[in-house]
Amino acid sequence: MLILDKRNRLFGKIHVLFIAIPTLVFLSVLAFVFLFGRPGLYLTVRIKAGPGNWWWVTPRPPDWYTSSITVGDFETDSLGRTIARIEDVRVYESGGVNKDVYLRAKLKVSYNPLNKKYKYKGQPVQIGSPITLELSKTLLSGNIIDMEGENVPYVDDILVEKLVAVRIVNAWDWEYDAIQIGEKMTDGAGNIIAEIMSKSLAPPSFSSARILRRELRLLTNPSQYDVTVLLKVKARKVGEIFVFREEQHLKVGKSLWAFFPSYDIADVPIIAISDPQIAP
């Protein structure tokens, strides 16, 4: 007995399309629910603001751009529903008109259980991937640097205080005078992340060499010194490493960048690190 007759009817009674079409619709709905049927799924991510991909050498955002990014700003979809919200913004001085900007955002994402990956506006949400948020007054571009989990409440970073000593070699006397004990550096949100605790002078460790009258002589400038500055900084512990200003690893021998109102400590080697109870 034939299942389909010449008119494509099952057992000569029901046309195959009456079964095929509802079946296809049901399977499509089932597949959609399976792949995208997790309503209200939000993912918190950290973003470093800047154009392009992370492996490109791109300029830091300027003042006028960073000042437009505010906590609580959001992006909506075509129906006016909020799909992204800024929860935290950290703006760090970099010694010029451009800034280092890091922020947290909560994204409304879809999740594919087959490959266990998230998407935001159809684009992958992964560490290292670029992302664009169309906020109320700012087109924010950046790269995702961390993913903090699904539907998690915002919790501020736990910071640890450290005493860090740096040495500025062959500094001029006017540089020493410009370093003000008690000056503070903030993260742009009003939180103090570094403070100058003390400073001291020592004879310069480097001298220029010249040959005078067939003799090699080391010459020093009486206006130059080696300056040691003691800072109290707040750092985030990542594994066994303490991280200052989001990306600076605190280690003896590494360079430190800390920018204060009267003086910028830029690319200066760290000579000692200790806890606040035990000064170096």
Protein backbone atom coordinates (compact mmCIF):
# COMPACT_ATOMS: atom_id res chain seq x y z
CA MET A 1 0.00 0.00 0.00
CA LEU A 2 1.39 3.40 -1.01
CA ILE A 3 1.76 6.01 1.75
CA LEU A 4 1.53 8.91 -0.72
CA ASP A 5 -0.80 8.82 -3.74
CA LYS A 6 -0.34 10.71 -6.97
CA ARG A 7 -1.80 13.87 -5.39
CA ASN A 8 0.70 13.77 -2.46
CA ARG A 9 -1.96 12.71 0.00
CA LEU A 10 -1.20 10.49 2.96
CA PHE A 11 -3.06 7.22 2.60
CA GLY A 12 -5.15 8.93 -0.07
CA LYS A 13 -6.84 11.21 2.48
CA ILE A 14 -4.64 14.05 3.93
CA HIS A 15 -2.41 16.23 1.78
CA VAL A 16 1.21 16.16 2.96
CA LEU A 17 1.39 19.96 3.24
CA PHE A 18 -1.26 19.96 5.98
CA ILE A 19 1.23 18.05 8.12
CA ALA A 20 4.55 19.43 6.82
CA ILE A 21 3.77 23.13 7.27
CA PRO A 22 2.55 22.94 10.93
CA THR A 23 5.47 20.62 11.70
CA LEU A 24 7.99 23.06 10.25
CA VAL A 25 6.42 25.97 12.15
CA PHE A 26 6.49 24.02 15.40
CA LEU A 27 10.12 22.99 14.91
CA SER A 28 11.12 26.59 14.05
CA VAL A 29 9.47 27.94 17.19
CA LEU A 30 11.07 25.19 19.24
CA ALA A 31 14.51 25.96 17.79
CA PHE A 32 14.09 29.69 18.44
CA VAL A 33 13.07 29.10 22.04
CA PHE A 34 15.94 26.67 22.49
CA LEU A 35 18.57 29.05 21.12
CA PHE A 36 17.28 32.43 22.26
CA GLY A 37 14.58 31.72 24.77
CA ARG A 38 16.33 32.98 27.90
CA PRO A 39 14.62 36.34 28.46
CA GLY A 40 16.20 38.83 30.82
CA LEU A 41 19.69 37.41 30.49
CA TYR A 42 22.20 40.12 31.39
CA LEU A 43 25.97 39.84 31.30
CA THR A 44 28.31 42.24 33.09
CA VAL A 45 31.49 43.06 31.19
CA ARG A 46 34.50 45.33 31.62
CA ILE A 47 35.38 47.51 28.65
CA LYS A 48 38.51 49.49 27.83
CA ALA A 49 37.42 52.45 25.74
CA GLY A 50 39.25 53.11 22.49
CA PRO A 51 38.90 52.67 18.75
CA GLY A 52 39.82 49.51 16.88
CA ASN A 53 40.97 46.14 18.15
CA TRP A 54 43.19 45.62 21.18
CA TRP A 55 46.24 44.66 19.12
CA TRP A 56 46.24 47.99 17.25
CA VAL A 57 48.18 50.96 18.57
CA THR A 58 45.33 53.45 18.93
CA PRO A 59 45.15 56.85 20.64
CA ARG A 60 43.61 57.24 24.05
CA PRO A 61 40.23 58.99 24.17
CA PRO A 62 40.43 62.80 24.60
CA ASP A 63 38.94 64.86 27.42
CA TRP A 64 35.77 65.84 25.55
CA TYR A 65 35.00 62.18 24.86
CA THR A 66 35.67 60.80 28.33
CA SER A 67 33.61 63.49 30.05
CA SER A 68 30.53 62.43 28.08
CA ILE A 69 30.53 58.87 29.46
CA THR A 70 28.52 58.75 32.69
CA VAL A 71 27.25 56.11 35.09
CA GLY A 72 23.62 55.26 34.37
CA ASP A 73 23.79 56.07 30.66
CA PHE A 74 22.17 53.41 28.52
CA GLU A 75 21.44 52.06 25.05
CA THR A 76 18.00 51.04 23.81
CA ASP A 77 16.77 48.83 21.00
CA SER A 78 14.31 49.85 18.27
CA LEU A 79 11.40 49.30 20.68
CA GLY A 80 12.86 51.58 23.35
CA ARG A 81 13.89 48.74 25.67
CA THR A 82 17.17 49.12 27.57
CA ILE A 83 19.77 46.66 26.30
CA ALA A 84 22.91 48.13 27.90
CA ARG A 85 23.61 50.25 30.96
CA ILE A 86 26.84 51.81 32.24
CA GLU A 87 27.41 50.81 35.87
CA ASP A 88 30.89 52.18 36.55
CA VAL A 89 33.36 54.53 34.85
CA ARG A 90 37.03 54.95 35.76
CA VAL A 91 39.04 57.70 34.04
CA TYR A 92 42.79 57.83 34.66
CA GLU A 93 45.18 60.63 33.81
CA SER A 94 47.89 59.77 31.31
CA GLY A 95 50.00 62.92 31.37
CA GLY A 96 48.17 64.82 28.64
CA VAL A 97 44.75 65.70 27.27
CA ASN A 98 44.00 62.03 26.53
CA LYS A 99 42.84 59.61 29.22
CA ASP A 100 42.71 55.91 30.00
CA VAL A 101 39.05 54.91 30.34
CA TYR A 102 37.72 51.68 31.81
CA LEU A 103 34.08 50.95 32.48
CA ARG A 104 31.61 48.28 33.48
CA ALA A 105 28.47 47.70 31.45
CA LYS A 106 25.52 45.35 31.87
CA LEU A 107 24.47 43.96 28.50
CA LYS A 108 21.26 42.20 27.51
CA VAL A 109 22.61 39.23 25.60
CA SER A 110 21.47 36.06 23.88
CA TYR A 111 23.06 32.72 24.68
CA ASN A 112 23.65 29.81 22.35
CA PRO A 113 23.79 26.57 24.38
CA LEU A 114 25.26 24.69 21.43
CA ASN A 115 28.55 26.62 21.38
CA LYS A 116 28.10 28.15 24.87
CA LYS A 117 28.69 31.67 23.63
CA TYR A 118 26.97 35.02 24.14
CA LYS A 119 26.00 37.62 21.59
CA TYR A 120 25.08 41.29 21.93
CA LYS A 121 23.27 42.83 18.98
CA GLY A 122 24.33 39.82 16.96
CA GLN A 123 28.03 40.30 17.73
CA PRO A 124 30.16 37.93 19.85
CA VAL A 125 30.72 38.85 23.49
CA GLN A 126 34.17 37.52 24.31
CA ILE A 127 37.29 38.83 26.01
CA GLY A 128 39.27 40.70 23.38
CA SER A 129 36.33 41.31 21.06
CA PRO A 130 35.42 44.88 20.05
CA ILE A 131 32.10 46.32 21.14
CA THR A 132 30.10 49.44 20.33
CA LEU A 133 27.44 50.99 22.57
CA GLU A 134 25.16 53.68 21.18
CA LEU A 135 24.52 55.58 24.40
CA SER A 136 22.16 58.52 24.78
CA LYS A 137 24.81 61.05 23.70
CA THR A 138 27.99 59.05 23.07
CA LEU A 139 29.02 56.43 20.54
CA LEU A 140 31.23 54.30 22.75
CA SER A 141 33.78 51.98 21.18
CA GLY A 142 36.10 49.67 23.06
CA ASN A 143 37.29 46.16 23.73
CA ILE A 144 35.94 43.69 26.28
CA ILE A 145 38.66 42.92 28.82
CA ASP A 146 36.69 40.84 31.34
CA MET A 147 33.35 39.06 31.73
CA GLU A 148 31.92 38.97 35.25
CA GLY A 149 28.97 36.60 34.88
CA GLU A 150 25.24 36.39 34.24
CA ASN A 151 22.69 38.45 36.19
CA VAL A 152 25.22 39.30 38.91
CA PRO A 153 24.71 42.41 41.07
CA TYR A 154 27.29 45.16 40.78
CA VAL A 155 30.04 44.86 43.37
CA ASP A 156 32.84 47.41 43.53
CA ASP A 157 36.44 46.26 43.30
CA ILE A 158 38.16 45.28 46.54
CA LEU A 159 41.36 47.32 46.66
CA VAL A 160 44.41 46.68 48.83
CA GLU A 161 46.71 49.43 50.10
CA LYS A 162 50.42 49.14 49.32
CA LEU A 163 53.42 51.36 49.98
CA VAL A 164 55.47 51.77 46.83
CA ALA A 165 58.86 53.50 46.68
CA VAL A 166 60.11 54.84 43.35
CA ARG A 167 63.40 56.51 42.44
CA ILE A 168 63.75 59.36 39.97
CA VAL A 169 67.33 59.34 38.76
CA ASN A 170 69.11 62.63 38.02
CA ALA A 171 66.08 64.75 38.83
CA TRP A 172 66.46 68.51 38.83
CA ASP A 173 66.02 70.46 42.02
CA TRP A 174 62.89 72.11 40.64
CA GLU A 175 61.39 68.66 40.10
CA TYR A 176 62.01 67.82 43.75
CA ASP A 177 60.32 71.06 44.78
CA ALA A 178 57.30 70.29 42.58
CA ILE A 179 56.61 66.96 44.32
CA GLN A 180 54.09 67.83 47.03
CA ILE A 181 53.65 65.54 50.03
CA GLY A 182 49.96 64.85 50.55
CA GLU A 183 48.89 65.27 46.93
CA LYS A 184 46.45 62.63 45.73
CA MET A 185 45.53 60.91 42.50
CA THR A 186 41.95 59.78 41.82
CA ASP A 187 40.32 57.38 39.40
CA GLY A 188 38.02 59.99 37.89
CA ALA A 189 35.11 58.87 40.07
CA GLY A 190 36.46 60.68 43.12
CA ASN A 191 38.12 57.62 44.65
CA ILE A 192 41.69 58.17 45.87
CA ILE A 193 44.05 55.58 44.42
CA ALA A 194 47.46 57.11 45.19
CA GLU A 195 48.95 59.59 47.66
CA ILE A 196 52.46 61.02 48.07
CA MET A 197 53.66 60.14 51.58
CA SER A 198 57.27 61.35 51.62
CA LYS A 199 60.26 62.34 49.48
CA SER A 200 64.03 62.41 49.99
CA LEU A 201 67.21 63.47 48.20
CA ALA A 202 70.46 61.62 47.53
CA PRO A 203 73.57 62.38 45.44
CA PRO A 204 73.05 61.42 41.80
CA SER A 205 73.94 57.83 40.97
CA PHE A 206 74.76 58.68 37.37
CA SER A 207 77.41 61.10 36.22
CA SER A 208 78.44 62.21 32.79
CA ALA A 209 81.93 61.14 31.69
CA ARG A 210 84.35 63.40 29.87
CA ILE A 211 88.00 63.28 28.94
CA LEU A 212 89.81 66.34 30.22
CA ARG A 213 93.55 66.69 29.75
CA ARG A 214 93.80 63.02 28.77
CA GLU A 215 92.03 61.97 31.95
CA LEU A 216 88.57 60.39 32.28
CA ARG A 217 86.54 62.44 34.72
CA LEU A 218 83.04 61.93 36.08
CA LEU A 219 81.12 65.17 36.25
CA THR A 220 78.04 65.84 38.34
CA ASN A 221 75.58 68.69 38.22
CA PRO A 222 74.99 70.31 41.61
CA SER A 223 71.37 70.94 40.61
CA GLN A 224 70.58 67.25 40.05
CA TYR A 225 69.79 64.53 42.58
CA ASP A 226 68.32 61.07 42.91
CA VAL A 227 64.85 61.53 44.39
CA THR A 228 63.07 58.75 46.26
CA VAL A 229 59.30 59.13 46.56
CA LEU A 230 57.12 56.99 48.80
CA LEU A 231 53.56 56.48 47.59
CA LYS A 232 50.55 54.84 49.16
CA VAL A 233 48.56 53.23 46.36
CA LYS A 234 45.40 51.15 46.12
CA ALA A 235 45.66 48.09 43.91
CA ARG A 236 43.42 45.22 42.87
CA LYS A 237 44.70 41.72 43.57
CA VAL A 238 44.52 39.43 40.55
CA GLY A 239 45.85 36.00 41.47
CA GLU A 240 49.19 36.69 43.13
CA ILE A 241 49.71 40.02 41.37
CA PHE A 242 48.70 43.47 42.57
CA VAL A 243 47.41 45.65 39.74
CA PHE A 244 47.38 49.47 39.92
CA ARG A 245 45.31 51.58 37.53
CA GLU A 246 43.72 48.53 35.89
CA GLU A 247 46.83 47.33 34.02
CA GLN A 248 50.02 48.27 35.91
CA HIS A 249 51.59 45.33 37.69
CA LEU A 250 53.27 46.33 40.94
CA LYS A 251 56.66 44.64 41.01
CA VAL A 252 60.13 45.79 42.02
CA GLY A 253 61.97 46.79 38.88
CA LYS A 254 58.79 47.56 36.94
CA SER A 255 57.97 51.14 35.97
CA LEU A 256 55.20 53.13 37.61
CA TRP A 257 52.94 55.81 36.17
CA ALA A 258 51.11 58.02 38.67
CA PHE A 259 49.88 61.50 37.80
CA PHE A 260 49.39 64.18 40.46
CA PRO A 261 48.25 67.81 40.20
CA SER A 262 51.77 69.23 40.56
CA TYR A 263 54.00 66.47 39.19
CA ASP A 264 53.75 63.43 36.97
CA ILE A 265 55.63 60.30 38.03
CA ALA A 266 56.00 58.66 34.63
CA ASP A 267 58.00 55.55 33.72
CA VAL A 268 59.89 55.58 37.03
CA PRO A 269 61.29 52.29 38.43
CA ILE A 270 59.83 50.75 41.58
CA ILE A 271 62.56 50.04 44.15
CA ALA A 272 60.48 48.65 47.04
CA ILE A 273 56.96 47.48 47.89
CA SER A 274 55.52 46.81 51.34
CA ASP A 275 52.35 46.81 53.38
CA PRO A 276 51.35 50.10 55.04
CA GLN A 277 52.38 48.79 58.46
CA ILE A 278 55.95 48.16 57.29
CA ALA A 279 57.44 51.04 55.35
CA PRO A 280 60.21 50.19 52.85
